[in-house]
Amino acid sequence: MIKIKHTFIAYLLINLLSACGGGSGNSGSGGGSNTGGEGGGSNGQYDLTEYLFDKSLNVTSATKSYPVAIYAKSTGDLSIRYTDKFEKTFDDTIYWTTDDVPSSTFVVTATTIEETVHSAEDSPRTLKRFADVGTKYMDANADSGFFGIQNARCTVIKHHDSIDLGTLTGTFTLVSGVYSDVLEINCVTGFVINNEVAEHTNLTHYFVRDIGLVFSEGTLILFDEVYMVSEI
């Protein structure tokens, strides 16, 4: 029963969150298009593939799995834990599942990351591969079936030479580790209603070069204010 409950919640999360390789999208009005946002391009300073995915996935057939824990920001209590898995299936392709439920497939090209969102009726969307601070590298809609059309927008907010994750959870000791070369990215996801976006999730993510997503914090649909820790 617990496994079924957790799998169902994980399914809801990937269906309602899909963006940024494990946690989700930026705010604003308008439906958006299935393309990357302004700025960046092939001349952007940061190659997002180096931050979104662990370097072990440079090798075809390699896999990377780790638990993700969600904690309530108000109490520090654990809300749920699930497992993300990434697999390099072809030279240019990475397949992502959450608790063995298909989430997305990413195909890396010379200038883009082409995502097929399996948790949203196999909706396609394009992310810019190269970005600078300030680049909105994704602004896209996806059809989540029962949950309707959702818009996700992600923007690179800041580059950190190093960051101590232990300083990000207030009085709670939920995560530790000092990491170098970190991109701080804001993603907001919302339901598209009458061509307007009703925000339901607003998360700030920390992606470490050659490691991937290590920490997120913000507002998460179904859970309110949270910390999300990738237990790598």
Protein backbone atom coordinates (compact mmCIF):
# COMPACT_ATOMS: atom_id res chain seq x y z
CA MET A 1 0.00 0.00 0.00
CA ILE A 2 2.81 2.44 0.89
CA LYS A 3 4.61 1.64 -2.37
CA ILE A 4 1.41 2.22 -4.36
CA LYS A 5 0.79 5.50 -2.56
CA HIS A 6 4.33 6.73 -3.16
CA THR A 7 4.26 5.68 -6.82
CA PHE A 8 0.97 7.53 -7.31
CA ILE A 9 2.34 10.68 -5.69
CA ALA A 10 5.52 10.40 -7.75
CA TYR A 11 3.35 10.12 -10.88
CA LEU A 12 1.45 13.24 -9.86
CA LEU A 13 4.74 15.06 -9.30
CA ILE A 14 6.28 14.26 -12.66
CA ASN A 15 2.95 14.97 -14.37
CA LEU A 16 2.52 18.34 -12.67
CA LEU A 17 6.16 19.33 -12.47
CA SER A 18 7.88 18.32 -15.66
CA ALA A 19 10.76 20.74 -16.27
CA CYS A 20 14.44 21.26 -15.59
CA GLY A 21 15.30 17.58 -15.32
CA GLY A 22 13.53 16.91 -12.06
CA GLY A 23 11.64 19.81 -10.81
CA SER A 24 9.81 22.45 -12.62
CA GLY A 25 9.06 25.75 -14.49
CA ASN A 26 8.90 30.15 -14.32
CA SER A 27 5.91 32.47 -13.98
CA GLY A 28 4.10 35.00 -16.09
CA SER A 29 1.05 35.28 -18.34
CA GLY A 30 0.47 34.00 -21.82
CA GLY A 31 0.42 30.47 -23.13
CA GLY A 32 4.01 30.33 -24.30
CA SER A 33 5.33 28.28 -27.19
CA ASN A 34 7.19 25.01 -27.40
CA THR A 35 10.53 26.71 -27.91
CA GLY A 36 13.39 27.97 -25.84
CA GLY A 37 13.26 31.49 -24.42
CA GLU A 38 15.18 34.61 -25.30
CA GLY A 39 18.93 35.07 -24.87
CA GLY A 40 21.68 32.46 -24.94
CA GLY A 41 21.82 30.55 -28.22
CA SER A 42 24.83 28.54 -29.38
CA ASN A 43 27.14 31.23 -27.97
CA GLY A 44 25.85 31.05 -24.39
CA GLN A 45 28.54 30.74 -21.74
CA TYR A 46 27.10 27.64 -20.06
CA ASP A 47 26.40 24.31 -21.77
CA LEU A 48 23.32 23.19 -19.85
CA THR A 49 23.97 19.52 -20.62
CA GLU A 50 26.99 19.76 -18.32
CA TYR A 51 24.74 20.91 -15.45
CA LEU A 52 21.48 19.01 -16.01
CA PHE A 53 23.11 15.58 -16.26
CA ASP A 54 25.77 13.68 -14.32
CA LYS A 55 29.04 13.28 -16.25
CA SER A 56 28.73 9.49 -15.98
CA LEU A 57 25.97 9.81 -18.59
CA ASN A 58 28.56 10.77 -21.18
CA VAL A 59 28.92 7.02 -21.76
CA THR A 60 26.21 5.16 -23.69
CA SER A 61 24.30 2.58 -21.57
CA ALA A 62 25.39 4.29 -18.33
CA THR A 63 22.77 4.88 -15.64
CA LYS A 64 22.52 7.22 -12.66
CA SER A 65 19.95 6.66 -9.89
CA TYR A 66 19.41 8.43 -6.58
CA PRO A 67 16.63 9.07 -4.05
CA VAL A 68 14.99 12.50 -3.87
CA ALA A 69 13.59 13.62 -0.52
CA ILE A 70 10.95 16.32 -0.09
CA TYR A 71 10.82 18.10 3.28
CA ALA A 72 8.26 20.57 4.62
CA LYS A 73 9.94 23.96 4.95
CA SER A 74 7.94 24.86 8.06
CA THR A 75 8.84 21.77 10.11
CA GLY A 76 11.73 20.05 8.36
CA ASP A 77 9.69 16.83 8.33
CA LEU A 78 10.08 14.34 5.48
CA SER A 79 7.02 14.36 3.21
CA ILE A 80 8.02 11.77 0.62
CA ARG A 81 11.04 10.08 -0.91
CA TYR A 82 11.19 8.71 -4.46
CA THR A 83 13.91 7.60 -6.88
CA ASP A 84 15.00 9.37 -10.06
CA LYS A 85 16.86 7.35 -12.68
CA PHE A 86 18.65 8.62 -15.79
CA GLU A 87 19.91 6.28 -18.53
CA LYS A 88 22.06 7.09 -21.57
CA THR A 89 20.26 4.98 -24.16
CA PHE A 90 22.00 6.32 -27.28
CA ASP A 91 24.94 8.63 -27.97
CA ASP A 92 22.62 11.67 -27.92
CA THR A 93 19.71 10.42 -25.79
CA ILE A 94 18.97 10.32 -22.04
CA TYR A 95 15.87 8.63 -20.60
CA TRP A 96 14.47 9.76 -17.22
CA THR A 97 12.10 7.82 -14.95
CA THR A 98 10.70 8.50 -11.47
CA ASP A 99 10.02 5.38 -9.39
CA ASP A 100 10.18 3.49 -12.71
CA VAL A 101 7.43 5.68 -14.21
CA PRO A 102 8.55 7.25 -17.54
CA SER A 103 9.04 10.99 -17.19
CA SER A 104 11.01 12.38 -20.16
CA THR A 105 13.44 11.57 -22.94
CA PHE A 106 16.09 14.17 -23.81
CA VAL A 107 17.84 14.27 -27.19
CA VAL A 108 20.88 16.55 -27.26
CA THR A 109 21.65 18.41 -30.50
CA ALA A 110 24.36 20.93 -31.34
CA THR A 111 22.30 23.86 -30.02
CA THR A 112 19.23 22.44 -28.25
CA ILE A 113 17.94 19.79 -25.86
CA GLU A 114 14.82 18.25 -27.41
CA GLU A 115 12.58 16.84 -24.68
CA THR A 116 9.67 14.42 -25.05
CA VAL A 117 7.57 14.68 -21.88
CA HIS A 118 6.13 11.19 -21.41
CA SER A 119 4.26 12.27 -18.28
CA ALA A 120 2.42 14.85 -20.44
CA GLU A 121 1.07 12.80 -23.34
CA ASP A 122 4.54 12.64 -24.97
CA SER A 123 4.46 16.40 -25.56
CA PRO A 124 7.59 17.72 -27.32
CA ARG A 125 9.42 20.84 -26.18
CA THR A 126 12.74 22.50 -26.91
CA LEU A 127 15.29 23.78 -24.39
CA LYS A 128 18.21 25.97 -25.37
CA ARG A 129 21.41 24.04 -24.81
CA PHE A 130 23.62 27.09 -24.23
CA ALA A 131 22.72 29.91 -21.83
CA ASP A 132 24.03 32.91 -19.97
CA VAL A 133 22.88 34.33 -16.64
CA GLY A 134 19.50 35.89 -17.43
CA THR A 135 18.67 33.48 -20.26
CA LYS A 136 15.15 32.04 -20.26
CA TYR A 137 16.13 28.76 -21.86
CA MET A 138 12.67 27.18 -21.88
CA ASP A 139 9.13 28.51 -22.30
CA ALA A 140 6.86 25.69 -23.36
CA ASN A 141 3.42 24.15 -23.01
CA ALA A 142 2.75 20.46 -22.45
CA ASP A 143 -0.50 18.50 -22.44
CA SER A 144 -0.80 16.71 -19.11
CA GLY A 145 -3.99 14.87 -20.05
CA PHE A 146 -6.23 14.80 -16.98
CA PHE A 147 -4.38 17.84 -15.56
CA GLY A 148 -4.75 19.89 -18.74
CA ILE A 149 -2.26 22.12 -20.53
CA GLN A 150 0.64 23.38 -18.43
CA ASN A 151 3.28 25.99 -19.16
CA ALA A 152 6.85 25.74 -17.85
CA ARG A 153 9.48 28.47 -18.02
CA CYS A 154 13.03 28.22 -16.73
CA THR A 155 15.61 31.01 -16.36
CA VAL A 156 19.26 30.97 -15.33
CA ILE A 157 19.40 33.30 -12.30
CA LYS A 158 23.00 33.16 -11.13
CA HIS A 159 26.31 31.32 -11.35
CA HIS A 160 28.02 30.44 -8.06
CA ASP A 161 31.74 29.70 -7.94
CA SER A 162 30.88 27.60 -4.90
CA ILE A 163 27.92 27.07 -2.60
CA ASP A 164 27.44 25.43 0.80
CA LEU A 165 24.11 23.60 0.70
CA GLY A 166 24.04 23.49 4.50
CA THR A 167 23.31 27.23 4.52
CA LEU A 168 20.12 26.89 2.44
CA THR A 169 17.77 25.08 4.84
CA GLY A 170 17.50 27.60 7.67
CA THR A 171 17.57 26.03 11.12
CA PHE A 172 17.16 22.49 9.77
CA THR A 173 20.07 20.21 8.95
CA LEU A 174 18.70 18.44 5.89
CA VAL A 175 21.57 18.57 3.43
CA SER A 176 25.30 19.21 3.49
CA GLY A 177 28.17 19.61 1.07
CA VAL A 178 30.13 22.39 -0.57
CA TYR A 179 29.97 22.32 -4.37
CA SER A 180 31.84 24.29 -7.01
CA ASP A 181 30.56 25.65 -10.34
CA VAL A 182 26.83 25.82 -9.63
CA LEU A 183 23.99 27.25 -11.72
CA GLU A 184 21.01 28.65 -9.83
CA ILE A 185 17.91 28.25 -11.99
CA ASN A 186 14.34 29.39 -11.34
CA CYS A 187 11.51 27.36 -12.83
CA VAL A 188 7.80 28.06 -12.56
CA THR A 189 5.00 25.80 -13.77
CA GLY A 190 1.34 26.73 -14.13
CA PHE A 191 -1.95 25.59 -15.61
CA VAL A 192 -2.84 27.37 -18.87
CA ILE A 193 -6.40 28.68 -18.52
CA ASN A 194 -7.86 30.97 -21.20
CA ASN A 195 -4.34 31.64 -22.48
CA GLU A 196 -3.21 32.80 -19.03
CA VAL A 197 -0.83 30.90 -16.75
CA ALA A 198 -2.10 30.12 -13.23
CA GLU A 199 1.11 29.36 -11.34
CA HIS A 200 1.11 26.31 -9.09
CA THR A 201 4.83 25.63 -8.58
CA ASN A 202 7.81 27.97 -8.22
CA LEU A 203 11.16 26.35 -7.46
CA THR A 204 14.76 27.50 -7.35
CA HIS A 205 17.14 24.72 -8.39
CA TYR A 206 20.88 24.31 -7.87
CA PHE A 207 22.63 22.36 -10.64
CA VAL A 208 26.28 21.41 -10.15
CA ARG A 209 28.47 20.97 -13.22
CA ASP A 210 29.14 17.27 -13.95
CA ILE A 211 26.78 16.21 -11.13
CA GLY A 212 23.29 17.55 -11.89
CA LEU A 213 20.49 18.73 -9.62
CA VAL A 214 21.46 18.61 -5.94
CA PHE A 215 18.91 20.84 -4.21
CA SER A 216 15.67 22.78 -4.80
CA GLU A 217 13.51 25.01 -2.64
CA GLY A 218 10.26 26.91 -3.10
CA THR A 219 6.55 26.28 -3.56
CA LEU A 220 5.49 22.85 -4.81
CA ILE A 221 1.94 21.94 -5.76
CA LEU A 222 0.38 19.49 -3.23
CA PHE A 223 3.18 20.21 -0.72
CA ASP A 224 3.28 24.02 -0.24
CA GLU A 225 6.75 25.37 0.80
CA VAL A 226 9.40 22.68 0.51
CA TYR A 227 13.05 21.74 0.36
CA MET A 228 13.90 19.04 -2.20
CA VAL A 229 17.19 17.16 -1.67
CA SER A 230 18.80 14.90 -4.26
CA GLU A 231 20.52 12.26 -2.12
CA ILE A 232 23.44 11.75 -4.48
